[in-house]
């Protein structure tokens, strides 16, 4: 019988307060003693043989969104997951191989889609939920069960190769500091997610082939993904594949210089280029919406750095990052984007593992849309959150966000969103 399979099952719930790819990846302060540095996953092989992944995957959010009438609209979003990971060498198969299967259930409301209308999506847990579960006397909650990722990865001397259904945002176009935020833009830039509906990330991933080369401080990653991961209507459960010529493929390339001393991550700078070959885009400046454009591309720069460490604890200190994007062409809603944020771990002496984060994103709308269709120049979203580490397993994260010109619409109400996120980590199985 296969042994040393890491099985995770965790449920997050939170009471609804009037107050949901990456995020799904908020890492906060590390909870392991020794870490293998990676932008998303800090990995430890324990003495008792379990393979522990410490990134957060189970969350619940209580949300309140202010309205022009003075009333507050309440929402609840939650995620439940199961992940199976098998290392081939530890199961007497072959060396340097890993199989992974990750299944998710997301449930609850869709505040951005149904109420706020912001394109950046202020809660990174939000996803289409189309099935209904009757939980009490005719009361229902929407949910979706789906295969999120399943893949095989093989490690060579300086090279890693992965094949399967995958969230490419795990590896590319992300920031170590950015994972401390709840707004979707801090996980993946709106200049990609808004412009490219087929970007293989939460909640609709697609088949991907990814390679990564590493030599010292230098990393180079390249991937090719299926042209579209579908949506809740054609790929509800994440197991439907329909290859068509017009869908093309999504190509991503990223170079990174990363500075790590021992087990302490200090800084990185990333330069990335993405290109989509499909005929799935439309000329957004054409009001008829009928003119198709083949292909799309963009460029991004991400600078991420620990600005200083506190003397008494290298895990404490201030980090910051900056993102700049360029996505030319009439097929893109946002042609430019800048954003970033700051995150401080251990600001309060008696709370050394708590983290406070502040940041904002400023994507710039295609000027043809501004001139001809009356859009505003930008949609700005700003966030302040405080991540409270209750114990080794549970985090509580209150958050407030200001959304300016949602949907890049002029003369609209600019809401404030109040969130409380409860996260139960897989440390319960440590």
Protein backbone atom coordinates (compact mmCIF):
# COMPACT_ATOMS: atom_id res chain seq x y z
CA UNK A 1 0.00 0.00 0.00
CA UNK A 2 1.31 3.44 -0.82
CA UNK A 3 2.59 5.20 2.26
CA UNK A 4 3.62 8.67 3.30
CA UNK A 5 0.79 10.23 1.33
CA UNK A 6 0.06 13.64 2.64
CA UNK A 7 -3.68 13.91 3.10
CA UNK A 8 -5.21 17.23 4.00
CA UNK A 9 -8.78 17.89 4.84
CA UNK A 10 -9.81 21.13 6.43
CA UNK A 11 -12.96 23.17 6.71
CA UNK A 12 -13.19 26.87 7.27
CA UNK A 13 -16.31 28.60 8.47
CA UNK A 14 -17.05 32.02 9.82
CA UNK A 15 -20.24 33.72 10.98
CA UNK A 16 -21.70 36.15 8.49
CA UNK A 17 -20.86 39.70 9.56
CA UNK A 18 -22.50 42.85 8.32
CA UNK A 19 -19.43 44.32 7.78
CA UNK A 20 -14.50 35.58 -0.49
CA UNK A 21 -5.99 32.15 -7.00
CA UNK A 22 -3.01 32.72 -5.47
CA UNK A 23 -5.23 34.88 -1.51
CA UNK A 24 -5.73 31.28 -1.61
CA UNK A 25 -1.96 31.54 -1.11
CA UNK A 26 -1.55 33.96 1.82
CA UNK A 27 1.57 32.73 3.57
CA UNK A 28 2.04 35.26 6.38
CA UNK A 29 4.79 34.35 8.81
CA UNK A 30 6.23 30.86 8.23
CA UNK A 31 5.07 28.17 10.64
CA UNK A 32 7.87 25.70 9.91
CA UNK A 33 11.38 25.72 11.38
CA UNK A 34 13.22 25.01 8.13
CA UNK A 35 11.90 26.07 4.75
CA UNK A 36 12.66 25.48 1.11
CA UNK A 37 12.32 29.02 -0.25
CA UNK A 38 9.65 29.40 -2.91
CA UNK A 39 7.36 32.28 -3.76
CA UNK A 40 4.25 30.32 -2.86
CA UNK A 41 5.03 27.09 -1.03
CA UNK A 42 7.28 26.63 2.00
CA UNK A 43 7.90 22.91 2.22
CA UNK A 44 9.21 20.76 5.08
CA UNK A 45 9.75 17.01 5.25
CA UNK A 46 9.13 16.08 8.87
CA UNK A 47 10.95 13.35 10.79
CA UNK A 48 7.81 11.25 10.98
CA UNK A 49 7.60 11.09 7.19
CA UNK A 50 4.69 13.40 6.43
CA UNK A 51 5.15 15.95 3.65
CA UNK A 52 3.84 19.26 4.92
CA UNK A 53 2.75 22.17 2.72
CA UNK A 54 2.22 25.31 4.76
CA UNK A 55 0.43 27.58 2.31
CA UNK A 56 -3.15 28.40 3.22
CA UNK A 57 -5.86 26.69 1.28
CA UNK A 58 -8.98 26.80 3.49
CA UNK A 59 -10.64 30.11 4.18
CA UNK A 60 -13.94 31.67 5.14
CA UNK A 61 -14.89 35.33 4.72
CA UNK A 62 -17.61 37.45 6.25
CA UNK A 63 -18.13 40.58 4.14
CA UNK A 64 -20.06 43.79 4.40
CA UNK A 65 -20.21 46.26 1.48
CA UNK A 66 -21.44 49.82 2.01
CA UNK A 67 -24.03 51.22 -0.39
CA UNK A 68 -25.16 54.65 -1.51
CA UNK A 69 -28.40 54.25 0.43
CA UNK A 70 -26.47 53.79 3.68
CA UNK A 71 -27.41 50.13 3.96
CA UNK A 72 -24.76 47.40 4.15
CA UNK A 73 -24.99 44.32 1.96
CA UNK A 74 -23.67 41.19 3.70
CA UNK A 75 -21.98 38.16 2.12
CA UNK A 76 -20.30 34.94 3.15
CA UNK A 77 -17.66 33.14 1.05
CA UNK A 78 -15.87 29.93 1.96
CA UNK A 79 -13.51 27.29 0.60
CA UNK A 80 -13.07 23.64 1.58
CA UNK A 81 -10.32 21.52 0.07
CA UNK A 82 -8.65 18.14 -0.11
CA UNK A 83 -5.06 17.77 -1.30
CA UNK A 84 -3.11 14.56 -1.91
CA UNK A 85 0.64 14.65 -2.51
CA UNK A 86 2.82 11.64 -3.23
CA UNK A 87 6.62 11.72 -3.45
CA UNK A 88 7.83 8.82 -5.59
CA UNK A 89 11.19 8.23 -3.89
CA UNK A 90 9.66 7.87 -0.44
CA UNK A 91 7.30 5.23 -1.85
CA UNK A 92 10.13 3.16 -3.38
CA UNK A 93 9.36 4.12 -6.97
CA UNK A 94 11.84 6.50 -8.65
CA UNK A 95 13.77 9.53 -7.48
CA UNK A 96 12.79 13.19 -7.71
CA UNK A 97 9.14 12.75 -8.73
CA UNK A 98 5.96 14.17 -7.22
CA UNK A 99 2.26 13.61 -7.97
CA UNK A 100 -0.32 16.08 -6.67
CA UNK A 101 -4.12 16.22 -6.69
CA UNK A 102 -6.01 19.21 -5.28
CA UNK A 103 -9.82 19.33 -5.13
CA UNK A 104 -11.83 22.33 -3.97
CA UNK A 105 -15.30 23.34 -2.95
CA UNK A 106 -16.08 27.05 -3.06
CA UNK A 107 -19.40 28.33 -1.78
CA UNK A 108 -21.21 31.50 -0.86
CA UNK A 109 -21.92 34.81 -2.54
CA UNK A 110 -20.38 36.81 -5.38
CA UNK A 111 -20.13 40.39 -4.09
CA UNK A 112 -18.06 41.82 -6.97
CA UNK A 113 -20.17 40.19 -9.69
CA UNK A 114 -23.57 40.82 -8.16
CA UNK A 115 -23.15 44.04 -6.19
CA UNK A 116 -19.94 46.08 -6.47
CA UNK A 117 -19.08 45.51 -10.14
CA UNK A 118 -15.32 46.05 -9.69
CA UNK A 119 -13.19 44.43 -12.37
CA UNK A 120 -10.27 43.73 -10.04
CA UNK A 121 -12.48 41.63 -7.68
CA UNK A 122 -11.80 42.80 -4.14
CA UNK A 123 -11.99 39.29 -2.61
CA UNK A 124 -9.68 36.69 -4.15
CA UNK A 125 -11.89 33.85 -2.97
CA UNK A 126 -14.83 34.93 -5.12
CA UNK A 127 -15.75 32.46 -7.87
CA UNK A 128 -18.89 31.44 -9.76
CA UNK A 129 -20.97 29.10 -7.60
CA UNK A 130 -23.88 27.67 -9.51
CA UNK A 131 -25.19 24.63 -7.63
CA UNK A 132 -27.54 25.03 -4.68
CA UNK A 133 -27.43 23.23 -1.33
CA UNK A 134 -30.48 23.32 0.93
CA UNK A 135 -29.08 23.66 4.45
CA UNK A 136 -32.14 24.68 6.51
CA UNK A 137 -35.89 24.87 5.82
CA UNK A 138 -35.67 26.04 2.23
CA UNK A 139 -32.58 28.21 2.75
CA UNK A 140 -29.88 27.52 0.19
CA UNK A 141 -26.24 28.33 -0.45
CA UNK A 142 -24.51 28.27 -3.85
CA UNK A 143 -21.47 26.01 -4.24
CA UNK A 144 -19.14 24.42 -6.78
CA UNK A 145 -17.03 21.26 -6.40
CA UNK A 146 -14.13 20.96 -8.83
CA UNK A 147 -10.67 19.62 -9.62
CA UNK A 148 -8.35 22.56 -9.08
CA UNK A 149 -4.94 21.07 -9.93
CA UNK A 150 -3.52 17.65 -10.69
CA UNK A 151 -0.04 17.21 -12.06
CA UNK A 152 3.28 15.36 -12.08
CA UNK A 153 6.52 17.23 -11.42
CA UNK A 154 10.05 15.90 -11.89
CA UNK A 155 13.19 17.55 -10.55
CA UNK A 156 16.52 17.27 -12.34
CA UNK A 157 19.81 18.85 -11.20
CA UNK A 158 18.96 22.45 -12.08
CA UNK A 159 15.62 21.95 -13.78
CA UNK A 160 12.02 21.20 -12.83
CA UNK A 161 9.44 19.97 -15.33
CA UNK A 162 5.71 19.86 -14.60
CA UNK A 163 2.79 18.55 -16.66
CA UNK A 164 -0.91 18.52 -15.80
CA UNK A 165 -3.74 20.83 -14.83
CA UNK A 166 -2.07 23.67 -12.96
CA UNK A 167 -2.41 27.16 -11.54
CA UNK A 168 0.44 28.94 -13.33
CA UNK A 169 0.15 31.86 -10.88
CA UNK A 170 1.82 29.57 -8.32
CA UNK A 171 5.07 30.13 -10.24
CA UNK A 172 4.68 33.27 -12.35
CA UNK A 173 3.46 36.86 -12.08
CA UNK A 174 3.31 36.69 -8.29
CA UNK A 175 4.95 38.46 -5.36
CA UNK A 176 6.12 37.16 -2.01
CA UNK A 177 4.81 40.31 -0.28
CA UNK A 178 1.65 40.37 -2.38
CA UNK A 179 0.42 37.06 -0.95
CA UNK A 180 -0.38 38.85 2.31
CA UNK A 181 -3.35 40.66 0.74
CA UNK A 182 -6.96 39.62 0.07
CA UNK A 183 -7.69 41.73 -3.03
CA UNK A 184 -7.22 39.67 -6.21
CA UNK A 185 -4.90 42.21 -7.84
CA UNK A 186 -2.18 41.56 -5.29
CA UNK A 187 -2.03 37.92 -6.37
CA UNK A 188 -2.15 38.43 -10.16
CA UNK A 189 -2.20 41.77 -11.97
CA UNK A 190 -5.51 42.94 -13.48
CA UNK A 191 -3.54 43.70 -16.67
CA UNK A 192 -3.45 39.91 -17.10
CA UNK A 193 -6.59 38.58 -15.40
CA UNK A 194 -8.98 41.19 -16.83
CA UNK A 195 -7.48 41.20 -20.32
CA UNK A 196 -6.98 37.44 -20.69
CA UNK A 197 -10.05 35.37 -19.74
CA UNK A 198 -8.06 32.15 -20.20
CA UNK A 199 -5.19 32.81 -17.79
CA UNK A 200 -4.77 29.45 -16.04
CA UNK A 201 -5.42 30.37 -12.43
CA UNK A 202 -8.15 30.17 -9.78
CA UNK A 203 -10.97 29.35 -10.27
CA UNK A 204 -10.52 27.86 -13.79
CA UNK A 205 -7.20 26.17 -14.42
CA UNK A 206 -6.16 24.42 -17.63
CA UNK A 207 -3.69 21.83 -18.89
CA UNK A 208 -0.16 23.19 -18.64
CA UNK A 209 3.43 22.25 -19.37
CA UNK A 210 5.89 24.25 -17.25
CA UNK A 211 9.68 24.19 -16.98
CA UNK A 212 11.94 26.02 -14.52
CA UNK A 213 15.71 26.38 -14.64
CA UNK A 214 17.70 27.54 -11.62
CA UNK A 215 21.37 28.46 -11.32
CA UNK A 216 22.39 30.26 -8.14
CA UNK A 217 20.27 33.41 -7.83
CA UNK A 218 18.92 33.16 -11.38
CA UNK A 219 15.61 31.50 -12.27
CA UNK A 220 13.98 31.14 -15.66
CA UNK A 221 10.45 29.78 -16.11
CA UNK A 222 8.50 29.01 -19.25
CA UNK A 223 5.03 27.55 -19.66
CA UNK A 224 2.42 26.75 -22.27
CA UNK A 225 -1.21 26.35 -21.21
CA UNK A 226 -4.42 25.38 -22.94
CA UNK A 227 -5.97 28.42 -24.63
CA UNK A 228 -8.95 28.56 -22.31
CA UNK A 229 -9.86 26.90 -19.04
CA UNK A 230 -13.56 27.37 -19.69
CA UNK A 231 -16.11 28.69 -17.23
CA UNK A 232 -18.82 27.45 -14.89
CA UNK A 233 -21.04 26.49 -17.82
CA UNK A 234 -18.65 24.37 -19.90
CA UNK A 235 -16.18 23.29 -17.19
CA UNK A 236 -18.12 23.31 -13.95
CA UNK A 237 -16.10 20.57 -12.25
CA UNK A 238 -12.68 21.29 -13.76
CA UNK A 239 -12.60 18.05 -15.73
CA UNK A 240 -13.83 19.07 -19.20
CA UNK A 241 -11.42 19.56 -22.10
CA UNK A 242 -12.43 20.79 -25.53
CA UNK A 243 -9.48 21.65 -27.76
CA UNK A 244 -10.36 23.97 -30.63
CA UNK A 245 -7.99 25.68 -33.07
CA UNK A 246 -9.32 29.19 -32.45
CA UNK A 247 -8.60 28.94 -28.70
CA UNK A 248 -4.82 28.87 -29.22
CA UNK A 249 -2.44 28.61 -26.25
CA UNK A 250 -1.22 30.90 -23.46
CA UNK A 251 2.58 31.25 -23.37
CA UNK A 252 4.40 32.74 -20.37
CA UNK A 253 8.10 33.39 -19.82
CA UNK A 254 9.64 34.85 -16.69
CA UNK A 255 13.19 35.59 -15.55
CA UNK A 256 13.95 36.22 -11.87
CA UNK A 257 16.95 37.25 -9.79
CA UNK A 258 16.31 36.07 -6.23
CA UNK A 259 18.40 36.86 -3.18
CA UNK A 260 18.18 34.21 -0.46
CA UNK A 261 20.69 33.92 2.39
CA UNK A 262 20.42 30.55 4.11
CA UNK A 263 16.69 30.06 4.61
CA UNK A 264 15.93 33.79 4.67
CA UNK A 265 14.33 35.30 1.56
CA UNK A 266 15.49 38.89 1.07
CA UNK A 267 14.51 40.14 -2.39
CA UNK A 268 13.62 39.30 -5.97
CA UNK A 269 13.05 41.06 -9.26
CA UNK A 270 11.01 39.46 -12.04
CA UNK A 271 10.56 40.34 -15.68
CA UNK A 272 7.81 38.47 -17.49
CA UNK A 273 6.28 38.27 -20.95
CA UNK A 274 2.98 36.61 -21.83
CA UNK A 275 1.52 35.88 -25.24
CA UNK A 276 -1.81 34.37 -26.23
CA UNK A 277 -2.18 32.91 -29.73
CA UNK A 278 -5.95 32.40 -29.79
CA UNK A 279 -8.69 34.14 -31.72
CA UNK A 280 -10.82 34.72 -28.65
CA UNK A 281 -10.38 38.49 -28.28
CA UNK A 282 -12.53 41.37 -29.53
CA UNK A 283 -11.77 44.94 -30.45
CA UNK A 284 -13.04 46.67 -27.29
CA UNK A 285 -13.14 50.03 -29.09
CA UNK A 286 -15.72 48.64 -31.54
CA UNK A 287 -19.09 49.35 -29.95
CA UNK A 288 -20.74 46.59 -32.01
CA UNK A 289 -18.51 44.03 -30.26
CA UNK A 290 -18.17 42.01 -33.46
CA UNK A 291 -14.58 42.67 -34.57
CA UNK A 292 -12.32 39.80 -33.56
CA UNK A 293 -8.58 40.15 -32.98
CA UNK A 294 -6.14 37.24 -33.03
CA UNK A 295 -3.58 37.07 -30.25
CA UNK A 296 -2.65 39.19 -27.28
CA UNK A 297 0.50 39.96 -25.30
CA UNK A 298 1.85 41.87 -22.35
CA UNK A 299 4.91 42.61 -20.25
CA UNK A 300 5.32 42.90 -16.47
CA UNK A 301 7.95 43.84 -13.89
CA UNK A 302 7.74 42.85 -10.21
CA UNK A 303 10.25 44.11 -7.64
CA UNK A 304 9.96 42.58 -4.16
CA UNK A 305 12.24 43.26 -1.18
CA UNK A 306 12.58 43.02 2.58
CA UNK A 307 13.26 46.66 3.44
CA UNK A 308 14.60 45.87 6.90
CA UNK A 309 14.64 43.16 9.54
CA UNK A 310 14.15 43.71 13.24
CA UNK A 311 17.38 42.87 15.06
CA UNK A 312 15.91 40.40 17.49
CA UNK A 313 14.10 38.22 14.95
CA UNK A 314 14.87 37.77 11.26
CA UNK A 315 11.26 36.71 10.63
CA UNK A 316 10.11 40.19 11.67
CA UNK A 317 10.42 43.35 9.65
CA UNK A 318 9.07 45.37 6.73
CA UNK A 319 8.79 44.15 3.15
CA UNK A 320 7.46 45.91 0.08
CA UNK A 321 6.86 45.34 -3.59
CA UNK A 322 6.07 47.18 -6.79
CA UNK A 323 4.34 45.96 -9.97
CA UNK A 324 4.23 47.58 -13.43
CA UNK A 325 2.43 46.13 -16.47
CA UNK A 326 2.08 47.02 -20.12
CA UNK A 327 -0.59 45.38 -22.30
CA UNK A 328 -0.95 47.23 -25.63
CA UNK A 329 -3.73 46.75 -28.14
CA UNK A 330 -7.41 47.45 -28.72
CA UNK A 331 -8.32 44.02 -27.35
CA UNK A 332 -7.27 45.03 -23.82
CA UNK A 333 -9.40 46.94 -21.32
CA UNK A 334 -6.38 47.89 -19.19
CA UNK A 335 -3.31 48.98 -21.17
CA UNK A 336 -1.15 49.89 -18.17
CA UNK A 337 -1.05 49.05 -14.50
CA UNK A 338 0.98 50.03 -11.45
CA UNK A 339 0.52 48.82 -7.92
CA UNK A 340 2.18 47.45 -4.83
CA UNK A 341 2.19 47.43 -1.09
CA UNK A 342 3.97 47.16 2.25
CA UNK A 343 3.73 44.41 4.85
CA UNK A 344 5.14 44.49 8.39
CA UNK A 345 5.51 41.36 10.55
CA UNK A 346 5.85 41.96 14.30
CA UNK A 347 4.91 45.62 14.48
CA UNK A 348 3.42 45.09 17.93
CA UNK A 349 6.02 43.69 20.34
CA UNK A 350 3.56 41.48 22.19
CA UNK A 351 2.26 40.09 18.87
CA UNK A 352 5.53 39.10 17.08
CA UNK A 353 3.87 36.93 14.42
CA UNK A 354 1.00 39.23 13.45
CA UNK A 355 1.27 41.06 10.15
CA UNK A 356 -0.18 44.37 8.94
CA UNK A 357 -0.36 45.09 5.19
CA UNK A 358 -1.26 48.18 3.17
CA UNK A 359 -1.36 48.53 -0.61
CA UNK A 360 -3.21 49.71 -3.73
CA UNK A 361 -3.51 49.08 -7.49
CA UNK A 362 -4.03 51.64 -10.27
CA UNK A 363 -4.80 49.97 -13.63
CA UNK A 364 -5.18 52.44 -16.52
CA UNK A 365 -8.06 52.00 -18.96
CA UNK A 366 -7.51 51.88 -22.74
CA UNK A 367 -7.66 55.56 -23.79
CA UNK A 368 -9.84 54.75 -26.81
CA UNK A 369 -12.50 53.51 -24.39
CA UNK A 370 -12.12 56.62 -22.27
CA UNK A 371 -12.53 58.96 -25.26
CA UNK A 372 -15.20 57.11 -27.25
CA UNK A 373 -17.21 55.21 -24.65
CA UNK A 374 -16.97 57.43 -21.61
CA UNK A 375 -15.07 55.12 -19.26
CA UNK A 376 -13.10 56.60 -16.39
CA UNK A 377 -9.31 56.54 -16.61
CA UNK A 378 -8.89 54.00 -13.84
CA UNK A 379 -10.42 51.77 -11.21
CA UNK A 380 -8.47 52.13 -7.96
CA UNK A 381 -8.61 49.59 -5.14
CA UNK A 382 -6.80 50.08 -1.82
CA UNK A 383 -6.52 47.60 1.05
CA UNK A 384 -5.51 47.59 4.70
CA UNK A 385 -5.54 44.30 6.63
CA UNK A 386 -4.20 42.88 9.88
CA UNK A 387 -3.41 39.15 10.00
CA UNK A 388 -3.72 37.84 13.56
CA UNK A 389 -2.01 34.53 14.26
CA UNK A 390 -4.30 32.96 16.86
CA UNK A 391 -2.15 29.84 17.21
CA UNK A 392 -0.10 27.50 14.99
CA UNK A 393 -3.21 26.49 13.04
CA UNK A 394 -5.65 29.43 12.89
CA UNK A 395 -5.42 32.98 11.55
CA UNK A 396 -8.00 35.76 11.76
CA UNK A 397 -7.62 38.61 9.27
CA UNK A 398 -9.83 41.73 9.45
CA UNK A 399 -9.59 43.87 6.33
CA UNK A 400 -10.96 47.12 4.93
CA UNK A 401 -10.90 48.08 1.25
CA UNK A 402 -11.83 51.23 -0.63
CA UNK A 403 -13.02 50.81 -4.23
CA UNK A 404 -12.87 53.93 -6.40
CA UNK A 405 -14.87 53.99 -9.67
CA UNK A 406 -15.80 50.27 -9.75
CA UNK A 407 -15.90 48.97 -13.29
CA UNK A 408 -14.07 52.16 -14.34
CA UNK A 409 -17.45 53.87 -14.42
CA UNK A 410 -17.83 57.62 -13.86
CA UNK A 411 -20.26 59.10 -11.34
CA UNK A 412 -20.85 55.88 -9.43
CA UNK A 413 -20.86 55.15 -5.72
CA UNK A 414 -17.42 54.24 -4.36
CA UNK A 415 -18.06 51.50 -1.79
CA UNK A 416 -16.09 50.41 1.23
CA UNK A 417 -15.79 46.68 1.87
CA UNK A 418 -15.31 45.28 5.37
CA UNK A 419 -14.02 41.73 5.57
CA UNK A 420 -13.05 39.21 8.23
CA UNK A 421 -11.18 36.14 6.98
CA UNK A 422 -10.79 33.01 9.07
CA UNK A 423 -8.13 30.56 7.93
CA UNK A 424 -7.58 27.05 9.28
CA UNK A 425 -4.17 25.75 8.24
CA UNK A 426 -3.18 22.18 7.53
CA UNK A 427 -0.93 22.35 10.57
CA UNK A 428 -3.69 20.35 12.26
CA UNK A 429 -2.08 17.34 10.58
CA UNK A 430 1.50 18.19 11.66
